[in-house]
């Protein structure tokens, strides 16, 4: 909305002192023509913004100008700035709103606190895009238009139509009663009911969404954390899941646990390796997870998994045992 953009423009000028029209356009994700119109609107409203000519010119505010924002103490601002560094907002299409909110948080601080809070936030990094082995931890992308439509239905308490592509199925339209939204490891999920039955939909698989005018059939209050835990438990105990007994090098324990659905038991062997009983979604998932760990893990049971991993290893050894001309 334009009012929000005007506030963001003022905050950007307060933070940076002077910015060109092109730089403002990049930050606000609009055209330079729109920025110039917004500058004119601010001037007409009495905001002391002026243009500086020349090679290093741009737009700036008169010194001492402050917006009417509620102040925060340094600890409160730091907490919000650190929370704002997490990527969960991207899963719900709130990236631009988060950026605008962070500007307001910093601007709300007294001058003496602003550098302290912003500097402290720079010393904390939450959920970077890669781990120490440069493995990219990519967040799932959800188009802004779809995320906005889902958010409106969730907040308004209206029924929602989604064009959903379930795994290994052709996309089809579904009408659901939205309960809430959850983000886990940068994946967004819609918790809903359909014909009274609990349903969980991954946002990245929603191809289109439409808020309906009819009210959703849902309780007035919801404990979203409890609802998520209950659905997670049902997911882990249903379908074609398999239980595997595995020995793993302690250095790779987190890699194993990160791919498994659940850890049912864990003990340490005399040689220092760990013995875990874990569950996977299906046999293919179990084989894939153990193969990724190479010689850092050994499947002890079931026997079919040991046979499958051995057959794969033999095939690889045979392939690389051949000369390049064969």
C-alpha atoms as a PDB file:
ATOM      1  CA  UNK A   1       0.000   0.000   0.000  1.00  0.00           C
ATOM      2  CA  UNK A   2       1.215   3.513  -0.732  1.00  0.00           C
ATOM      3  CA  UNK A   3       0.969   4.748   2.876  1.00  0.00           C
ATOM      4  CA  UNK A   4       3.308   1.968   4.030  1.00  0.00           C
ATOM      5  CA  UNK A   5       5.696   2.728   1.171  1.00  0.00           C
ATOM      6  CA  UNK A   6       5.844   6.417   2.119  1.00  0.00           C
ATOM      7  CA  UNK A   7       6.707   5.526   5.713  1.00  0.00           C
ATOM      8  CA  UNK A   8       9.381   3.106   4.480  1.00  0.00           C
ATOM      9  CA  UNK A   9      10.829   5.805   2.215  1.00  0.00           C
ATOM     10  CA  UNK A  10      11.147   8.231   5.134  1.00  0.00           C
ATOM     11  CA  UNK A  11      12.764   5.551   7.288  1.00  0.00           C
ATOM     12  CA  UNK A  12      15.263   4.694   4.563  1.00  0.00           C
ATOM     13  CA  UNK A  13      16.298   8.334   4.301  1.00  0.00           C
ATOM     14  CA  UNK A  14      16.655   8.535   8.087  1.00  0.00           C
ATOM     15  CA  UNK A  15      18.867   5.453   8.146  1.00  0.00           C
ATOM     16  CA  UNK A  16      21.079   6.278   5.158  1.00  0.00           C
ATOM     17  CA  UNK A  17      21.093  10.078   5.250  1.00  0.00           C
ATOM     18  CA  UNK A  18      21.018  10.516   1.455  1.00  0.00           C
ATOM     19  CA  UNK A  19      19.915   8.104  -1.257  1.00  0.00           C
ATOM     20  CA  UNK A  20      19.481   8.339  -4.995  1.00  0.00           C
ATOM     21  CA  UNK A  21      16.142   7.707  -6.675  1.00  0.00           C
ATOM     22  CA  UNK A  22      17.543   4.501  -8.172  1.00  0.00           C
ATOM     23  CA  UNK A  23      18.673   3.205  -4.767  1.00  0.00           C
ATOM     24  CA  UNK A  24      15.309   4.003  -3.215  1.00  0.00           C
ATOM     25  CA  UNK A  25      13.553   2.253  -6.088  1.00  0.00           C
ATOM     26  CA  UNK A  26      15.611  -0.908  -5.490  1.00  0.00           C
ATOM     27  CA  UNK A  27      14.878  -0.922  -1.774  1.00  0.00           C
ATOM     28  CA  UNK A  28      11.158  -0.280  -2.211  1.00  0.00           C
ATOM     29  CA  UNK A  29      10.842  -2.557  -5.272  1.00  0.00           C
ATOM     30  CA  UNK A  30       9.174   0.139  -7.390  1.00  0.00           C
ATOM     31  CA  UNK A  31      10.168   2.273 -10.387  1.00  0.00           C
ATOM     32  CA  UNK A  32      12.165   5.496 -10.106  1.00  0.00           C
ATOM     33  CA  UNK A  33       9.121   7.332 -11.469  1.00  0.00           C
ATOM     34  CA  UNK A  34       7.098   6.040  -8.498  1.00  0.00           C
ATOM     35  CA  UNK A  35       9.837   7.192  -6.107  1.00  0.00           C
ATOM     36  CA  UNK A  36       9.739  10.710  -7.565  1.00  0.00           C
ATOM     37  CA  UNK A  37       5.960  10.820  -7.179  1.00  0.00           C
ATOM     38  CA  UNK A  38       6.302   9.657  -3.573  1.00  0.00           C
ATOM     39  CA  UNK A  39       8.902  12.356  -2.872  1.00  0.00           C
ATOM     40  CA  UNK A  40       6.471  14.977  -4.204  1.00  0.00           C
ATOM     41  CA  UNK A  41       3.696  13.568  -2.017  1.00  0.00           C
ATOM     42  CA  UNK A  42       5.900  13.730   1.083  1.00  0.00           C
ATOM     43  CA  UNK A  43       6.884  17.315   0.356  1.00  0.00           C
ATOM     44  CA  UNK A  44       3.242  18.268  -0.112  1.00  0.00           C
ATOM     45  CA  UNK A  45       2.440  16.658   3.247  1.00  0.00           C
ATOM     46  CA  UNK A  46       5.072  18.771   5.005  1.00  0.00           C
ATOM     47  CA  UNK A  47       7.841  16.215   5.334  1.00  0.00           C
ATOM     48  CA  UNK A  48      11.144  18.146   4.953  1.00  0.00           C
ATOM     49  CA  UNK A  49      12.677  16.111   2.136  1.00  0.00           C
ATOM     50  CA  UNK A  50      14.922  17.869  -0.370  1.00  0.00           C
ATOM     51  CA  UNK A  51      17.016  17.024  -3.425  1.00  0.00           C
ATOM     52  CA  UNK A  52      20.801  17.397  -3.612  1.00  0.00           C
ATOM     53  CA  UNK A  53      22.169  17.901  -7.114  1.00  0.00           C
ATOM     54  CA  UNK A  54      25.391  16.599  -8.549  1.00  0.00           C
ATOM     55  CA  UNK A  55      27.175  13.323  -9.136  1.00  0.00           C
ATOM     56  CA  UNK A  56      26.749  12.138  -5.545  1.00  0.00           C
ATOM     57  CA  UNK A  57      23.381  13.768  -5.061  1.00  0.00           C
ATOM     58  CA  UNK A  58      20.067  12.275  -4.110  1.00  0.00           C
ATOM     59  CA  UNK A  59      17.266  12.868  -1.640  1.00  0.00           C
ATOM     60  CA  UNK A  60      17.657  13.601   2.057  1.00  0.00           C
ATOM     61  CA  UNK A  61      15.700  14.810   5.093  1.00  0.00           C
ATOM     62  CA  UNK A  62      16.458  17.998   6.991  1.00  0.00           C
ATOM     63  CA  UNK A  63      18.656  17.209  10.021  1.00  0.00           C
ATOM     64  CA  UNK A  64      16.728  16.494  13.212  1.00  0.00           C
ATOM     65  CA  UNK A  65      13.518  15.296  11.564  1.00  0.00           C
ATOM     66  CA  UNK A  66      11.957  12.315  13.395  1.00  0.00           C
ATOM     67  CA  UNK A  67       8.888  10.240  12.695  1.00  0.00           C
ATOM     68  CA  UNK A  68       6.239   9.603  15.363  1.00  0.00           C
ATOM     69  CA  UNK A  69       7.154   6.058  16.410  1.00  0.00           C
ATOM     70  CA  UNK A  70       7.048   4.313  19.760  1.00  0.00           C
ATOM     71  CA  UNK A  71      10.495   3.947  21.340  1.00  0.00           C
ATOM     72  CA  UNK A  72      12.078   0.631  22.286  1.00  0.00           C
ATOM     73  CA  UNK A  73      14.926  -0.095  24.663  1.00  0.00           C
ATOM     74  CA  UNK A  74      18.100  -1.709  23.259  1.00  0.00           C
ATOM     75  CA  UNK A  75      17.293  -5.261  24.459  1.00  0.00           C
ATOM     76  CA  UNK A  76      13.790  -5.161  22.955  1.00  0.00           C
ATOM     77  CA  UNK A  77      15.099  -3.848  19.659  1.00  0.00           C
ATOM     78  CA  UNK A  78      17.895  -6.436  19.582  1.00  0.00           C
ATOM     79  CA  UNK A  79      15.404  -9.256  20.163  1.00  0.00           C
ATOM     80  CA  UNK A  80      13.284  -8.056  17.245  1.00  0.00           C
ATOM     81  CA  UNK A  81      16.272  -7.534  14.957  1.00  0.00           C
ATOM     82  CA  UNK A  82      17.602 -11.038  15.653  1.00  0.00           C
ATOM     83  CA  UNK A  83      14.160 -12.563  15.158  1.00  0.00           C
ATOM     84  CA  UNK A  84      13.911 -10.638  11.919  1.00  0.00           C
ATOM     85  CA  UNK A  85      17.088 -12.272  10.651  1.00  0.00           C
ATOM     86  CA  UNK A  86      15.366 -15.657  10.483  1.00  0.00           C
ATOM     87  CA  UNK A  87      14.068 -16.727   7.091  1.00  0.00           C
ATOM     88  CA  UNK A  88      10.664 -17.969   8.241  1.00  0.00           C
ATOM     89  CA  UNK A  89       8.976 -14.809   6.955  1.00  0.00           C
ATOM     90  CA  UNK A  90       9.962 -15.785   3.411  1.00  0.00           C
ATOM     91  CA  UNK A  91       7.925 -18.986   3.695  1.00  0.00           C
ATOM     92  CA  UNK A  92       4.776 -16.934   4.261  1.00  0.00           C
ATOM     93  CA  UNK A  93       5.507 -14.242   1.667  1.00  0.00           C
ATOM     94  CA  UNK A  94       6.289 -11.632   4.332  1.00  0.00           C
ATOM     95  CA  UNK A  95       9.826 -10.741   3.256  1.00  0.00           C
ATOM     96  CA  UNK A  96       9.095  -7.141   2.205  1.00  0.00           C
ATOM     97  CA  UNK A  97       6.903  -6.543   5.256  1.00  0.00           C
ATOM     98  CA  UNK A  98       9.691  -7.831   7.500  1.00  0.00           C
ATOM     99  CA  UNK A  99      12.234  -5.491   5.901  1.00  0.00           C
ATOM    100  CA  UNK A 100       9.915  -2.522   6.464  1.00  0.00           C
ATOM    101  CA  UNK A 101       9.283  -3.561  10.067  1.00  0.00           C
ATOM    102  CA  UNK A 102      13.012  -3.797  10.794  1.00  0.00           C
ATOM    103  CA  UNK A 103      13.492  -0.244   9.543  1.00  0.00           C
ATOM    104  CA  UNK A 104      10.793   0.934  11.947  1.00  0.00           C
ATOM    105  CA  UNK A 105      12.361  -0.955  14.835  1.00  0.00           C
ATOM    106  CA  UNK A 106      15.741   0.703  14.319  1.00  0.00           C
ATOM    107  CA  UNK A 107      14.188   4.128  13.780  1.00  0.00           C
ATOM    108  CA  UNK A 108      12.157   3.813  16.980  1.00  0.00           C
ATOM    109  CA  UNK A 109      15.319   3.737  19.090  1.00  0.00           C
ATOM    110  CA  UNK A 110      16.811   6.841  20.651  1.00  0.00           C
ATOM    111  CA  UNK A 111      19.898   8.035  18.802  1.00  0.00           C
ATOM    112  CA  UNK A 112      22.218   6.812  21.558  1.00  0.00           C
ATOM    113  CA  UNK A 113      20.822   3.243  21.399  1.00  0.00           C
ATOM    114  CA  UNK A 114      20.540   2.828  17.643  1.00  0.00           C
ATOM    115  CA  UNK A 115      24.146   1.981  16.824  1.00  0.00           C
ATOM    116  CA  UNK A 116      24.400  -0.350  19.834  1.00  0.00           C
ATOM    117  CA  UNK A 117      21.398  -2.477  18.875  1.00  0.00           C
ATOM    118  CA  UNK A 118      22.194  -2.583  15.163  1.00  0.00           C
ATOM    119  CA  UNK A 119      25.831  -3.445  15.878  1.00  0.00           C
ATOM    120  CA  UNK A 120      24.879  -6.234  18.279  1.00  0.00           C
ATOM    121  CA  UNK A 121      22.490  -7.728  15.730  1.00  0.00           C
ATOM    122  CA  UNK A 122      25.375  -7.909  13.250  1.00  0.00           C
ATOM    123  CA  UNK A 123      27.188 -10.217  15.690  1.00  0.00           C
ATOM    124  CA  UNK A 124      24.434 -12.870  15.565  1.00  0.00           C
ATOM    125  CA  UNK A 125      23.601 -15.029  12.546  1.00  0.00           C
ATOM    126  CA  UNK A 126      20.553 -17.292  12.630  1.00  0.00           C
ATOM    127  CA  UNK A 127      20.011 -20.051  10.041  1.00  0.00           C
ATOM    128  CA  UNK A 128      22.530 -19.118   7.309  1.00  0.00           C
ATOM    129  CA  UNK A 129      21.921 -20.344   3.770  1.00  0.00           C
ATOM    130  CA  UNK A 130      24.752 -22.909   3.946  1.00  0.00           C
ATOM    131  CA  UNK A 131      26.347 -25.020   6.667  1.00  0.00           C
ATOM    132  CA  UNK A 132      30.090 -25.410   7.330  1.00  0.00           C
ATOM    133  CA  UNK A 133      30.397 -27.871   4.434  1.00  0.00           C
ATOM    134  CA  UNK A 134      28.886 -25.316   2.030  1.00  0.00           C
ATOM    135  CA  UNK A 135      25.747 -27.407   1.672  1.00  0.00           C
ATOM    136  CA  UNK A 136      22.995 -25.038   0.654  1.00  0.00           C
ATOM    137  CA  UNK A 137      19.999 -24.987   2.968  1.00  0.00           C
ATOM    138  CA  UNK A 138      17.563 -23.555   0.467  1.00  0.00           C
ATOM    139  CA  UNK A 139      14.204 -22.310   1.666  1.00  0.00           C
ATOM    140  CA  UNK A 140      11.182 -23.311  -0.378  1.00  0.00           C
ATOM    141  CA  UNK A 141       9.806 -20.459  -2.432  1.00  0.00           C
ATOM    142  CA  UNK A 142       6.110 -19.558  -2.275  1.00  0.00           C
ATOM    143  CA  UNK A 143       4.851 -16.932  -4.750  1.00  0.00           C
ATOM    144  CA  UNK A 144       3.788 -13.766  -2.942  1.00  0.00           C
ATOM    145  CA  UNK A 145       0.317 -13.752  -4.504  1.00  0.00           C
ATOM    146  CA  UNK A 146      -0.396 -17.294  -3.294  1.00  0.00           C
ATOM    147  CA  UNK A 147       1.008 -16.637   0.180  1.00  0.00           C
ATOM    148  CA  UNK A 148      -1.051 -13.430   0.485  1.00  0.00           C
ATOM    149  CA  UNK A 149      -4.278 -15.200  -0.509  1.00  0.00           C
ATOM    150  CA  UNK A 150      -3.681 -17.987   2.027  1.00  0.00           C
ATOM    151  CA  UNK A 151      -2.836 -15.481   4.767  1.00  0.00           C
ATOM    152  CA  UNK A 152      -6.033 -13.538   4.121  1.00  0.00           C
ATOM    153  CA  UNK A 153      -8.155 -16.672   4.423  1.00  0.00           C
ATOM    154  CA  UNK A 154      -6.369 -17.802   7.593  1.00  0.00           C
ATOM    155  CA  UNK A 155      -6.701 -14.423   9.322  1.00  0.00           C
ATOM    156  CA  UNK A 156     -10.243 -13.714   8.130  1.00  0.00           C
ATOM    157  CA  UNK A 157     -11.489 -17.202   8.991  1.00  0.00           C
ATOM    158  CA  UNK A 158     -12.792 -17.889   5.474  1.00  0.00           C
ATOM    159  CA  UNK A 159     -12.828 -21.076   3.449  1.00  0.00           C
ATOM    160  CA  UNK A 160      -9.982 -21.475   0.987  1.00  0.00           C
ATOM    161  CA  UNK A 161      -9.669 -23.102  -2.417  1.00  0.00           C
ATOM    162  CA  UNK A 162      -6.214 -24.416  -3.279  1.00  0.00           C
ATOM    163  CA  UNK A 163      -4.867 -26.016  -6.446  1.00  0.00           C
ATOM    164  CA  UNK A 164      -2.584 -28.533  -4.778  1.00  0.00           C
ATOM    165  CA  UNK A 165       0.033 -30.867  -6.248  1.00  0.00           C
ATOM    166  CA  UNK A 166       0.434 -33.744  -3.784  1.00  0.00           C
ATOM    167  CA  UNK A 167       3.491 -35.977  -4.167  1.00  0.00           C
ATOM    168  CA  UNK A 168       3.185 -38.339  -7.147  1.00  0.00           C
ATOM    169  CA  UNK A 169      -0.345 -37.088  -7.931  1.00  0.00           C
ATOM    170  CA  UNK A 170      -1.847 -34.807 -10.545  1.00  0.00           C
ATOM    171  CA  UNK A 171      -2.734 -31.324  -9.190  1.00  0.00           C
ATOM    172  CA  UNK A 172      -6.376 -30.816  -8.266  1.00  0.00           C
ATOM    173  CA  UNK A 173      -8.556 -28.225  -6.551  1.00  0.00           C
ATOM    174  CA  UNK A 174      -9.521 -28.666  -2.911  1.00  0.00           C
ATOM    175  CA  UNK A 175     -11.759 -26.565  -0.656  1.00  0.00           C
ATOM    176  CA  UNK A 176     -10.456 -26.463   2.910  1.00  0.00           C
ATOM    177  CA  UNK A 177     -11.074 -24.768   6.238  1.00  0.00           C
ATOM    178  CA  UNK A 178      -7.735 -23.128   7.172  1.00  0.00           C
ATOM    179  CA  UNK A 179      -6.581 -23.441  10.787  1.00  0.00           C
ATOM    180  CA  UNK A 180      -3.133 -21.844  10.775  1.00  0.00           C
ATOM    181  CA  UNK A 181       0.352 -21.694   9.251  1.00  0.00           C
ATOM    182  CA  UNK A 182       3.552 -23.333  10.467  1.00  0.00           C
ATOM    183  CA  UNK A 183       7.144 -22.952   9.274  1.00  0.00           C
ATOM    184  CA  UNK A 184       9.695 -25.710   9.992  1.00  0.00           C
ATOM    185  CA  UNK A 185      13.267 -25.565   8.655  1.00  0.00           C
ATOM    186  CA  UNK A 186      12.196 -22.949   6.102  1.00  0.00           C
ATOM    187  CA  UNK A 187       9.288 -25.058   4.858  1.00  0.00           C
ATOM    188  CA  UNK A 188       5.828 -23.576   5.223  1.00  0.00           C
ATOM    189  CA  UNK A 189       2.747 -25.672   5.954  1.00  0.00           C
ATOM    190  CA  UNK A 190      -0.973 -24.936   6.002  1.00  0.00           C
ATOM    191  CA  UNK A 191      -2.892 -26.716   8.732  1.00  0.00           C
ATOM    192  CA  UNK A 192      -6.506 -27.136   7.712  1.00  0.00           C
ATOM    193  CA  UNK A 193      -9.511 -29.437   7.793  1.00  0.00           C
ATOM    194  CA  UNK A 194     -11.319 -30.876   4.805  1.00  0.00           C
ATOM    195  CA  UNK A 195     -14.799 -32.322   5.282  1.00  0.00           C
ATOM    196  CA  UNK A 196     -14.004 -32.370   9.003  1.00  0.00           C
ATOM    197  CA  UNK A 197     -10.748 -34.369   8.652  1.00  0.00           C
ATOM    198  CA  UNK A 198      -7.340 -32.922   9.560  1.00  0.00           C
ATOM    199  CA  UNK A 199      -5.144 -32.072   6.579  1.00  0.00           C
ATOM    200  CA  UNK A 200      -1.634 -30.621   6.277  1.00  0.00           C
ATOM    201  CA  UNK A 201      -0.486 -29.012   3.018  1.00  0.00           C
ATOM    202  CA  UNK A 202       3.040 -27.908   2.068  1.00  0.00           C
ATOM    203  CA  UNK A 203       2.856 -24.324   0.824  1.00  0.00           C
ATOM    204  CA  UNK A 204       5.418 -24.878  -1.937  1.00  0.00           C
ATOM    205  CA  UNK A 205       3.028 -27.385  -3.523  1.00  0.00           C
ATOM    206  CA  UNK A 206       0.125 -24.928  -3.690  1.00  0.00           C
ATOM    207  CA  UNK A 207      -0.081 -23.832  -7.334  1.00  0.00           C
ATOM    208  CA  UNK A 208      -2.953 -21.367  -6.853  1.00  0.00           C
ATOM    209  CA  UNK A 209      -5.170 -20.196  -4.021  1.00  0.00           C
ATOM    210  CA  UNK A 210      -8.459 -18.328  -3.695  1.00  0.00           C
ATOM    211  CA  UNK A 211     -10.090 -16.992  -0.539  1.00  0.00           C
ATOM    212  CA  UNK A 212     -13.828 -17.727  -0.481  1.00  0.00           C
ATOM    213  CA  UNK A 213     -16.468 -15.531   1.192  1.00  0.00           C
ATOM    214  CA  UNK A 214     -17.961 -18.379   3.255  1.00  0.00           C
ATOM    215  CA  UNK A 215     -16.809 -18.638   6.885  1.00  0.00           C
ATOM    216  CA  UNK A 216     -14.492 -21.531   7.691  1.00  0.00           C
ATOM    217  CA  UNK A 217     -15.692 -24.285   9.983  1.00  0.00           C
ATOM    218  CA  UNK A 218     -13.078 -24.073  12.699  1.00  0.00           C
ATOM    219  CA  UNK A 219     -12.814 -23.386  16.451  1.00  0.00           C
ATOM    220  CA  UNK A 220     -12.537 -19.787  17.613  1.00  0.00           C
ATOM    221  CA  UNK A 221      -9.257 -20.521  19.420  1.00  0.00           C
ATOM    222  CA  UNK A 222      -6.439 -22.881  18.478  1.00  0.00           C
ATOM    223  CA  UNK A 223      -3.286 -24.191  20.136  1.00  0.00           C
ATOM    224  CA  UNK A 224      -1.206 -24.337  16.963  1.00  0.00           C
ATOM    225  CA  UNK A 225       1.828 -25.889  18.649  1.00  0.00           C
ATOM    226  CA  UNK A 226      -0.269 -28.751  20.030  1.00  0.00           C
ATOM    227  CA  UNK A 227      -2.046 -29.245  16.707  1.00  0.00           C
ATOM    228  CA  UNK A 228       1.306 -29.465  14.917  1.00  0.00           C
ATOM    229  CA  UNK A 229       2.687 -31.980  17.428  1.00  0.00           C
ATOM    230  CA  UNK A 230      -0.393 -34.183  17.076  1.00  0.00           C
ATOM    231  CA  UNK A 231      -0.188 -34.175  13.284  1.00  0.00           C
ATOM    232  CA  UNK A 232       3.549 -34.824  13.376  1.00  0.00           C
ATOM    233  CA  UNK A 233       2.967 -37.857  15.597  1.00  0.00           C
ATOM    234  CA  UNK A 234       0.311 -39.243  13.255  1.00  0.00           C
ATOM    235  CA  UNK A 235       2.618 -38.675  10.274  1.00  0.00           C
ATOM    236  CA  UNK A 236       5.517 -40.505  11.915  1.00  0.00           C
ATOM    237  CA  UNK A 237       3.388 -43.514  12.822  1.00  0.00           C
ATOM    238  CA  UNK A 238       1.444 -43.952   9.581  1.00  0.00           C
ATOM    239  CA  UNK A 239       1.969 -44.986   5.952  1.00  0.00           C
ATOM    240  CA  UNK A 240       4.675 -47.431   4.791  1.00  0.00           C
ATOM    241  CA  UNK A 241       7.205 -46.375   7.397  1.00  0.00           C
ATOM    242  CA  UNK A 242      10.116 -48.647   8.253  1.00  0.00           C
ATOM    243  CA  UNK A 243      12.167 -49.000  11.413  1.00  0.00           C
ATOM    244  CA  UNK A 244      15.927 -49.413  11.038  1.00  0.00           C
ATOM    245  CA  UNK A 245      18.643 -50.378  13.510  1.00  0.00           C
ATOM    246  CA  UNK A 246      21.847 -48.586  12.566  1.00  0.00           C
ATOM    247  CA  UNK A 247      25.360 -47.959  13.873  1.00  0.00           C
ATOM    248  CA  UNK A 248      26.714 -44.493  13.127  1.00  0.00           C
ATOM    249  CA  UNK A 249      29.928 -42.576  13.711  1.00  0.00           C
ATOM    250  CA  UNK A 250      29.162 -39.854  16.319  1.00  0.00           C
ATOM    251  CA  UNK A 251      30.460 -37.213  13.907  1.00  0.00           C
ATOM    252  CA  UNK A 252      27.598 -38.043  11.515  1.00  0.00           C
ATOM    253  CA  UNK A 253      24.822 -38.554  14.052  1.00  0.00           C
ATOM    254  CA  UNK A 254      23.100 -35.266  13.265  1.00  0.00           C
ATOM    255  CA  UNK A 255      23.085 -36.090   9.545  1.00  0.00           C
ATOM    256  CA  UNK A 256      21.279 -39.351  10.292  1.00  0.00           C
ATOM    257  CA  UNK A 257      18.839 -37.853  12.759  1.00  0.00           C
ATOM    258  CA  UNK A 258      18.152 -34.943  10.418  1.00  0.00           C
ATOM    259  CA  UNK A 259      16.874 -37.274   7.683  1.00  0.00           C
ATOM    260  CA  UNK A 260      14.994 -39.747   9.908  1.00  0.00           C
ATOM    261  CA  UNK A 261      11.399 -39.230  10.970  1.00  0.00           C
ATOM    262  CA  UNK A 262      12.011 -40.204  14.587  1.00  0.00           C
ATOM    263  CA  UNK A 263      14.613 -41.669  16.930  1.00  0.00           C
ATOM    264  CA  UNK A 264      13.078 -44.504  18.962  1.00  0.00           C
ATOM    265  CA  UNK A 265      16.178 -45.589  20.911  1.00  0.00           C
ATOM    266  CA  UNK A 266      19.866 -44.708  21.226  1.00  0.00           C
ATOM    267  CA  UNK A 267      22.849 -46.339  22.940  1.00  0.00           C
ATOM    268  CA  UNK A 268      26.629 -46.112  22.765  1.00  0.00           C
ATOM    269  CA  UNK A 269      28.710 -49.119  21.665  1.00  0.00           C
ATOM    270  CA  UNK A 270      32.059 -49.936  23.350  1.00  0.00           C
ATOM    271  CA  UNK A 271      34.003 -48.623  20.335  1.00  0.00           C
ATOM    272  CA  UNK A 272      32.397 -45.181  20.664  1.00  0.00           C
ATOM    273  CA  UNK A 273      29.969 -45.534  17.779  1.00  0.00           C
ATOM    274  CA  UNK A 274      26.274 -44.959  18.407  1.00  0.00           C
ATOM    275  CA  UNK A 275      23.521 -47.535  17.932  1.00  0.00           C
ATOM    276  CA  UNK A 276      20.174 -45.970  17.021  1.00  0.00           C
ATOM    277  CA  UNK A 277      16.727 -47.268  16.210  1.00  0.00           C
ATOM    278  CA  UNK A 278      15.156 -44.823  13.766  1.00  0.00           C
ATOM    279  CA  UNK A 279      12.150 -44.657  11.466  1.00  0.00           C
ATOM    280  CA  UNK A 280      11.999 -43.577   7.830  1.00  0.00           C
ATOM    281  CA  UNK A 281       9.052 -42.695   5.628  1.00  0.00           C
ATOM    282  CA  UNK A 282       9.437 -45.765   3.398  1.00  0.00           C
ATOM    283  CA  UNK A 283      12.092 -48.278   2.208  1.00  0.00           C
ATOM    284  CA  UNK A 284      13.392 -45.940  -0.482  1.00  0.00           C
ATOM    285  CA  UNK A 285      13.868 -43.175   2.078  1.00  0.00           C
ATOM    286  CA  UNK A 286      15.787 -45.538   4.393  1.00  0.00           C
ATOM    287  CA  UNK A 287      18.096 -46.732   1.630  1.00  0.00           C
ATOM    288  CA  UNK A 288      18.798 -43.199   0.438  1.00  0.00           C
ATOM    289  CA  UNK A 289      19.559 -41.913   3.952  1.00  0.00           C
ATOM    290  CA  UNK A 290      21.996 -44.726   4.808  1.00  0.00           C
ATOM    291  CA  UNK A 291      23.732 -44.481   1.420  1.00  0.00           C
ATOM    292  CA  UNK A 292      24.441 -40.774   2.004  1.00  0.00           C
ATOM    293  CA  UNK A 293      26.405 -41.674   5.143  1.00  0.00           C
ATOM    294  CA  UNK A 294      28.805 -43.947   3.237  1.00  0.00           C
ATOM    295  CA  UNK A 295      31.135 -45.861   5.579  1.00  0.00           C
ATOM    296  CA  UNK A 296      30.205 -43.643   8.523  1.00  0.00           C
ATOM    297  CA  UNK A 297      27.120 -45.783   9.172  1.00  0.00           C
ATOM    298  CA  UNK A 298      26.100 -49.438   9.037  1.00  0.00           C
ATOM    299  CA  UNK A 299      22.536 -50.723   8.759  1.00  0.00           C
ATOM    300  CA  UNK A 300      22.193 -53.684  11.136  1.00  0.00           C
ATOM    301  CA  UNK A 301      18.548 -54.496  10.437  1.00  0.00           C
ATOM    302  CA  UNK A 302      16.322 -55.218   8.590  1.00  0.00           C
ATOM    303  CA  UNK A 303      18.173 -57.644   6.329  1.00  0.00           C
ATOM    304  CA  UNK A 304      16.518 -56.387   3.133  1.00  0.00           C
ATOM    305  CA  UNK A 305      18.109 -52.980   3.707  1.00  0.00           C
ATOM    306  CA  UNK A 306      21.579 -54.487   4.176  1.00  0.00           C
ATOM    307  CA  UNK A 307      21.083 -56.503   0.966  1.00  0.00           C
ATOM    308  CA  UNK A 308      19.923 -53.425  -0.932  1.00  0.00           C
ATOM    309  CA  UNK A 309      22.885 -51.312   0.199  1.00  0.00           C
ATOM    310  CA  UNK A 310      25.302 -54.149  -0.610  1.00  0.00           C
ATOM    311  CA  UNK A 311      23.855 -54.528  -4.111  1.00  0.00           C
ATOM    312  CA  UNK A 312      24.238 -50.810  -4.706  1.00  0.00           C
ATOM    313  CA  UNK A 313      27.842 -50.862  -3.470  1.00  0.00           C
ATOM    314  CA  UNK A 314      28.668 -53.842  -5.703  1.00  0.00           C
ATOM    315  CA  UNK A 315      27.187 -52.045  -8.707  1.00  0.00           C
ATOM    316  CA  UNK A 316      29.308 -48.961  -8.015  1.00  0.00           C
ATOM    317  CA  UNK A 317      32.454 -51.054  -7.499  1.00  0.00           C
ATOM    318  CA  UNK A 318      31.796 -52.935 -10.734  1.00  0.00           C
ATOM    319  CA  UNK A 319      31.292 -49.700 -12.636  1.00  0.00           C
ATOM    320  CA  UNK A 320      34.552 -48.183 -11.446  1.00  0.00           C
ATOM    321  CA  UNK A 321      36.410 -51.449 -11.797  1.00  0.00           C
ATOM    322  CA  UNK A 322      35.972 -51.301 -15.544  1.00  0.00           C
ATOM    323  CA  UNK A 323      38.518 -49.574 -17.747  1.00  0.00           C
ATOM    324  CA  UNK A 324      37.411 -46.277 -19.242  1.00  0.00           C
ATOM    325  CA  UNK A 325      37.178 -47.843 -22.708  1.00  0.00           C
ATOM    326  CA  UNK A 326      34.774 -50.626 -21.749  1.00  0.00           C
END
